Amino acid sequence: MKSLNLDYADFDGAHLNGANLESSTLEYATLVGAGLQDAKLDESNWSYANEKQADFAGAQASNATFAYGVLDQAIFKGAALEYADFFNSSLHLVDFSGAELSNAQMSASDLSEANLSNAFMWKALLGRAILNRANFTGAVLRKAWLSHTLLMPADQTVVATGPGGATVTWPTPPTLPGI
C-alpha cells in the first residue's frame, strides 16, 4: 500500500496497524479512532486530516506532514517522528510520551494538556505553540525553539523542597512567556 493517493478517504475506526503508507497522501482524510500502531508512515502527507483519537503508537513517521490537522487525543507513544510537521494543528491531550520528535515542526499548534513526557525533542520548533498544562516531565528539549509560546502550569502554585527539607510554595502568574 505504499505511495497511495487517499485524499478525502474515510478510515474512521479502521484497523491499519502495521500498514505501509510510506509516501502516501491522505489530505483531508478522516481517521477518527483508527488504529495505526507500528505503521510505516515516513514521508506521508496527512495535511488537514481529522485523526482524533487515532492510535499511532510505535509508528514510523519521519518527515510526515500532519499540518493543519485535528489530532486531539491521538496516541503517538514511542513513535518515530523526526522532522514531522504538525504546524498549526490541534493536538489537545495527545500522548507523545517517549516519542522521537527531533526537528519536529509544532509551531502555532495547540498542545494543551499534551503528554510529552520522556519525549526527545532536540531542535523541535514550538514557536507560538500553546502549551497550557502540557507535561514535559523527563523530556529533552535541547536546542528547541520556544519563542512566543504560551505556558500555563497545571497548578497555579509551585512547590520546591529546599536542601534542609523545608517545602516552599508560592503562586505563579496565570501565564508564563516562552523563552
Foldseek 3Di string as FASTA:
>chain_A
DEAAEQAQAEQAQNEQDQAEHDNYEHEQYEHDLYEHDQHEHANYEHDQYEHAQYEHDQHEYENYEHDQYEHENYEHHLYEHEQYEHHLYEHEQYECDNYEHECYEHDNYEHAQYEDDLYEHHQYEHDQYEHEQYHHHNYHQHNHHHAFYKYAHPDQKDWDQDPVRDIDIDGDPRIDGTD
